[in-house]
Amino acid sequence: MVDAAELQCAHRARRQRPVAPGLASIAPASWPRTGARLPGTAAGGRNPGPLPGMARVSRKSLLHGLSGKLGGLVLRQVGGRTVASAAEGPGPRAPRSPRQQAHLDRMYRAQLYAKAQLLDPAAKARYATGIDARRTSAYTVAIADYMHGPRITALDVAAYQGRAGDPLLIGATDDFAVAAVRVRCCAASGAVLAAGPAGQQPNGQWLFRAPHAHPLAPGTVLTVEAEDYPGNVATHTHTF
């Protein structure tokens, strides 16, 4: 609490302190910023000035009668007078969630990837083919390609019986382009029976043919991977 002597000293200091045009003096910063009346004022009595932390606005000021936030000031109407106080600054930023931080980290890596692609004339020309109304530069196309991986949309195993040359048809898409599709056929024990790349067909599908005959016993697992240019990989498995 501030006693009566300290209050009188504070009021004398207020009268002696130069003030900005249109504003009365500002209460000392050491005064408490809470409470409905100044120290030493009886309940129901008239406060001798604005609340602590506020300044009284002169009736001749253009700010008189206003309420609300104006720049760094908050204007209020108190007891028929206009008082001003400093606007509170933004509070501390809430910590990011792990998901938010992971997204920011991925976006940072996407920007590094896109910048590297622009240094390669062939890669820059490739991404320039993806420019449209939404992605207006090779740089933004490359960022989007990094952020969105491919998807495997179809796998036709009807004609794949483990004979040499048997076909396996694969559907794969990407927001920009699928760079490669790979197939691996493994026995239940984990031994690799057949493996190799698939080739893209004129209709957009990918075709893999068994390089040699191999057993196709129950429990045999077929694994298909689709990869885009940034290295994002989608995986799909099928068990016979």
Protein backbone atom coordinates (compact mmCIF):
# COMPACT_ATOMS: atom_id res chain seq x y z
CA MET A 1 0.00 0.00 0.00
CA VAL A 2 1.00 3.59 -0.65
CA ASP A 3 0.54 5.88 2.42
CA ALA A 4 -0.77 9.46 2.37
CA ALA A 5 2.71 11.07 2.33
CA GLU A 6 3.77 9.01 -0.68
CA LEU A 7 0.49 9.94 -2.40
CA GLN A 8 1.11 13.67 -1.88
CA CYS A 9 4.67 13.33 -3.27
CA ALA A 10 3.35 11.46 -6.23
CA HIS A 11 0.77 14.18 -6.96
CA ARG A 12 3.43 16.91 -6.75
CA ALA A 13 5.60 14.92 -9.18
CA ARG A 14 2.67 14.63 -11.54
CA ARG A 15 2.12 18.40 -11.57
CA GLN A 16 5.80 19.07 -12.25
CA ARG A 17 6.32 16.48 -15.01
CA PRO A 18 5.99 17.82 -18.59
CA VAL A 19 3.19 16.12 -20.51
CA ALA A 20 2.40 15.54 -24.16
CA PRO A 21 -0.14 17.88 -25.83
CA GLY A 22 -3.71 16.82 -25.11
CA LEU A 23 -2.80 14.47 -22.24
CA ALA A 24 -2.68 15.03 -18.52
CA SER A 25 0.07 13.50 -16.48
CA ILE A 26 0.65 9.77 -16.37
CA ALA A 27 0.44 7.98 -13.04
CA PRO A 28 3.78 6.67 -11.77
CA ALA A 29 4.61 3.24 -13.15
CA SER A 30 5.25 1.96 -9.61
CA TRP A 31 1.61 2.42 -8.65
CA PRO A 32 -0.50 -0.75 -8.63
CA ARG A 33 -2.38 -1.31 -11.90
CA THR A 34 -5.41 -2.88 -10.22
CA GLY A 35 -8.15 -1.60 -7.91
CA ALA A 36 -11.20 0.60 -8.36
CA ARG A 37 -9.81 3.65 -6.54
CA LEU A 38 -6.53 5.31 -5.76
CA PRO A 39 -4.83 4.56 -2.41
CA GLY A 40 -6.18 6.76 0.33
CA THR A 41 -9.52 7.48 -1.39
CA ALA A 42 -12.51 6.50 0.65
CA ALA A 43 -15.03 4.09 -0.79
CA GLY A 44 -17.60 6.04 -2.77
CA GLY A 45 -15.39 9.13 -2.78
CA ARG A 46 -14.16 10.94 -5.84
CA ASN A 47 -10.84 9.81 -7.25
CA PRO A 48 -8.40 12.69 -7.69
CA GLY A 49 -7.30 11.46 -11.13
CA PRO A 50 -7.31 8.59 -13.57
CA LEU A 51 -6.75 5.04 -12.48
CA PRO A 52 -3.12 3.97 -12.05
CA GLY A 53 -1.40 3.37 -15.34
CA MET A 54 -3.76 5.72 -17.19
CA ALA A 55 -3.60 9.32 -18.40
CA ARG A 56 -6.45 11.83 -18.48
CA VAL A 57 -7.21 13.29 -21.92
CA SER A 58 -7.80 17.05 -22.07
CA ARG A 59 -11.30 18.15 -23.12
CA LYS A 60 -9.66 20.19 -25.89
CA SER A 61 -7.93 17.15 -27.36
CA LEU A 62 -9.21 15.49 -30.51
CA LEU A 63 -9.13 12.24 -28.54
CA HIS A 64 -11.67 13.46 -26.01
CA GLY A 65 -14.86 11.40 -26.06
CA LEU A 66 -13.34 8.51 -27.99
CA SER A 67 -13.25 4.89 -26.88
CA GLY A 68 -11.29 1.97 -28.25
CA LYS A 69 -7.77 1.21 -29.40
CA LEU A 70 -5.81 3.83 -31.31
CA GLY A 71 -2.25 2.93 -32.23
CA GLY A 72 -0.49 2.07 -28.99
CA LEU A 73 -3.22 3.61 -26.81
CA VAL A 74 -6.49 2.31 -25.37
CA LEU A 75 -9.10 5.05 -24.77
CA ARG A 76 -11.86 4.60 -22.19
CA GLN A 77 -14.65 6.72 -20.70
CA VAL A 78 -14.30 6.82 -16.91
CA GLY A 79 -16.53 9.05 -14.77
CA GLY A 80 -17.35 11.35 -17.68
CA ARG A 81 -13.70 11.78 -18.63
CA THR A 82 -11.59 10.23 -21.39
CA VAL A 83 -8.56 8.36 -20.10
CA ALA A 84 -5.79 6.69 -22.08
CA SER A 85 -3.55 3.77 -21.21
CA ALA A 86 -0.88 1.86 -23.07
CA ALA A 87 -2.20 -1.06 -25.09
CA GLU A 88 -1.07 -4.38 -23.78
CA GLY A 89 1.43 -6.17 -25.99
CA PRO A 90 0.82 -9.65 -27.37
CA GLY A 91 1.07 -12.43 -24.86
CA PRO A 92 3.66 -15.19 -25.06
CA ARG A 93 3.30 -17.41 -28.11
CA ALA A 94 1.88 -20.83 -27.36
CA PRO A 95 4.36 -23.64 -27.99
CA ARG A 96 3.92 -25.43 -31.31
CA SER A 97 2.50 -28.92 -31.28
CA PRO A 98 4.72 -31.75 -32.57
CA ARG A 99 2.56 -31.90 -35.69
CA GLN A 100 2.97 -28.17 -36.35
CA GLN A 101 6.74 -28.36 -35.83
CA ALA A 102 7.01 -31.38 -38.14
CA HIS A 103 5.11 -29.49 -40.85
CA LEU A 104 7.38 -26.45 -40.51
CA ASP A 105 10.47 -28.65 -40.70
CA ARG A 106 9.14 -30.38 -43.81
CA MET A 107 8.35 -27.03 -45.44
CA TYR A 108 11.90 -25.86 -44.74
CA ARG A 109 13.31 -28.97 -46.40
CA ALA A 110 10.94 -28.44 -49.33
CA GLN A 111 12.33 -24.94 -49.86
CA LEU A 112 15.89 -26.26 -49.80
CA TYR A 113 14.94 -28.93 -52.34
CA ALA A 114 13.25 -26.41 -54.65
CA LYS A 115 16.24 -24.07 -54.57
CA ALA A 116 18.54 -26.96 -55.50
CA GLN A 117 16.29 -27.90 -58.44
CA LEU A 118 16.51 -24.38 -59.85
CA LEU A 119 20.30 -24.76 -60.03
CA ASP A 120 19.90 -27.78 -62.33
CA PRO A 121 18.74 -26.62 -65.81
CA ALA A 122 17.13 -29.98 -66.62
CA ALA A 123 15.27 -30.16 -63.30
CA LYS A 124 14.18 -26.53 -63.58
CA ALA A 125 12.83 -27.15 -67.10
CA ARG A 126 11.01 -30.27 -65.89
CA TYR A 127 9.27 -28.40 -63.07
CA ALA A 128 8.45 -25.50 -65.38
CA THR A 129 6.07 -27.86 -67.19
CA GLY A 130 3.90 -27.93 -64.07
CA ILE A 131 3.28 -24.17 -63.94
CA ASP A 132 -0.40 -23.25 -63.87
CA ALA A 133 -2.69 -20.57 -62.44
CA ARG A 134 -2.07 -21.77 -58.87
CA ARG A 135 1.60 -22.73 -59.07
CA THR A 136 3.13 -19.85 -60.93
CA SER A 137 6.81 -20.79 -61.02
CA ALA A 138 9.09 -23.83 -61.21
CA TYR A 139 10.04 -23.06 -57.60
CA THR A 140 6.48 -23.39 -56.26
CA VAL A 141 5.88 -26.51 -58.37
CA ALA A 142 9.00 -28.11 -56.84
CA ILE A 143 7.89 -27.20 -53.30
CA ALA A 144 4.46 -28.74 -53.88
CA ASP A 145 6.07 -31.86 -55.35
CA TYR A 146 8.18 -32.27 -52.20
CA MET A 147 5.21 -31.76 -49.89
CA HIS A 148 2.91 -34.24 -51.66
CA GLY A 149 4.02 -37.82 -52.23
CA PRO A 150 2.78 -40.33 -54.80
CA ARG A 151 -0.09 -42.81 -54.37
CA ILE A 152 -0.58 -46.33 -55.65
CA THR A 153 -4.14 -46.47 -56.94
CA ALA A 154 -4.39 -49.92 -58.51
CA LEU A 155 -2.65 -53.29 -58.60
CA ASP A 156 -3.85 -55.96 -61.07
CA VAL A 157 -2.41 -59.39 -60.16
CA ALA A 158 -4.92 -61.49 -62.10
CA ALA A 159 -2.41 -62.52 -64.81
CA TYR A 160 0.58 -62.87 -62.50
CA GLN A 161 1.06 -66.61 -61.87
CA GLY A 162 4.83 -66.78 -61.32
CA ARG A 163 5.69 -67.67 -64.90
CA ALA A 164 8.42 -65.88 -66.81
CA GLY A 165 6.97 -62.81 -68.50
CA ASP A 166 3.74 -62.75 -66.47
CA PRO A 167 2.43 -59.18 -66.36
CA LEU A 168 1.67 -57.07 -63.29
CA LEU A 169 -0.22 -53.83 -63.95
CA ILE A 170 0.14 -50.94 -61.49
CA GLY A 171 -1.66 -47.62 -61.22
CA ALA A 172 0.29 -44.79 -59.56
CA THR A 173 -0.25 -41.03 -59.44
CA ASP A 174 1.52 -37.97 -58.07
CA ASP A 175 0.68 -34.27 -57.88
CA PHE A 176 3.52 -33.68 -60.38
CA ALA A 177 4.95 -36.95 -61.71
CA VAL A 178 5.81 -40.49 -60.65
CA ALA A 179 9.53 -40.96 -61.28
CA ALA A 180 9.83 -44.74 -60.77
CA VAL A 181 7.90 -47.86 -59.79
CA ARG A 182 9.62 -50.94 -58.33
CA VAL A 183 8.33 -54.46 -57.66
CA ARG A 184 9.63 -57.13 -55.28
CA CYS A 185 8.18 -60.61 -54.84
CA CYS A 186 9.22 -62.49 -51.69
CA ALA A 187 8.47 -65.92 -50.27
CA ALA A 188 6.89 -66.23 -46.84
CA SER A 189 10.38 -66.84 -45.47
CA GLY A 190 11.52 -63.44 -46.79
CA ALA A 191 13.63 -64.79 -49.65
CA VAL A 192 13.42 -62.61 -52.76
CA LEU A 193 11.86 -64.54 -55.67
CA ALA A 194 11.76 -61.76 -58.27
CA ALA A 195 12.40 -58.01 -58.34
CA GLY A 196 12.86 -55.19 -60.78
CA PRO A 197 11.53 -51.88 -62.12
CA ALA A 198 8.20 -51.38 -63.86
CA GLY A 199 7.93 -49.39 -67.06
CA GLN A 200 5.36 -46.68 -67.73
CA GLN A 201 2.92 -47.41 -70.56
CA PRO A 202 1.35 -44.91 -73.01
CA ASN A 203 -1.91 -45.03 -71.02
CA GLY A 204 -0.09 -43.97 -67.83
CA GLN A 205 -0.12 -47.38 -66.15
CA TRP A 206 3.06 -49.13 -65.07
CA LEU A 207 3.90 -52.66 -66.27
CA PHE A 208 6.14 -55.20 -64.54
CA ARG A 209 6.90 -58.62 -66.06
CA ALA A 210 8.33 -61.50 -64.08
CA PRO A 211 11.99 -61.79 -65.16
CA HIS A 212 11.93 -65.56 -64.65
CA ALA A 213 9.67 -68.29 -63.35
CA HIS A 214 9.36 -68.57 -59.59
CA PRO A 215 7.03 -70.32 -57.16
CA LEU A 216 3.91 -68.48 -56.06
CA ALA A 217 2.96 -70.42 -52.94
CA PRO A 218 0.41 -69.18 -50.40
CA GLY A 219 1.99 -66.51 -48.22
CA THR A 220 4.07 -65.05 -51.05
CA VAL A 221 4.18 -61.26 -50.65
CA LEU A 222 4.26 -58.81 -53.54
CA THR A 223 5.54 -55.34 -52.65
CA VAL A 224 5.13 -52.35 -54.99
CA GLU A 225 6.83 -48.99 -54.43
CA ALA A 226 6.14 -45.75 -56.29
CA GLU A 227 8.61 -42.87 -55.95
CA ASP A 228 8.48 -39.25 -57.07
CA TYR A 229 11.40 -36.94 -57.93
CA PRO A 230 11.95 -35.59 -54.38
CA GLY A 231 12.17 -39.17 -53.08
CA ASN A 232 8.73 -39.56 -51.47
CA VAL A 233 7.75 -43.24 -51.58
CA ALA A 234 4.35 -44.92 -51.49
CA THR A 235 4.20 -48.66 -50.72
CA HIS A 236 1.53 -51.27 -51.35
CA THR A 237 1.66 -54.99 -50.54
CA HIS A 238 -0.37 -57.94 -51.75
CA THR A 239 -0.26 -61.41 -50.24
CA PHE A 240 -1.08 -64.42 -52.40
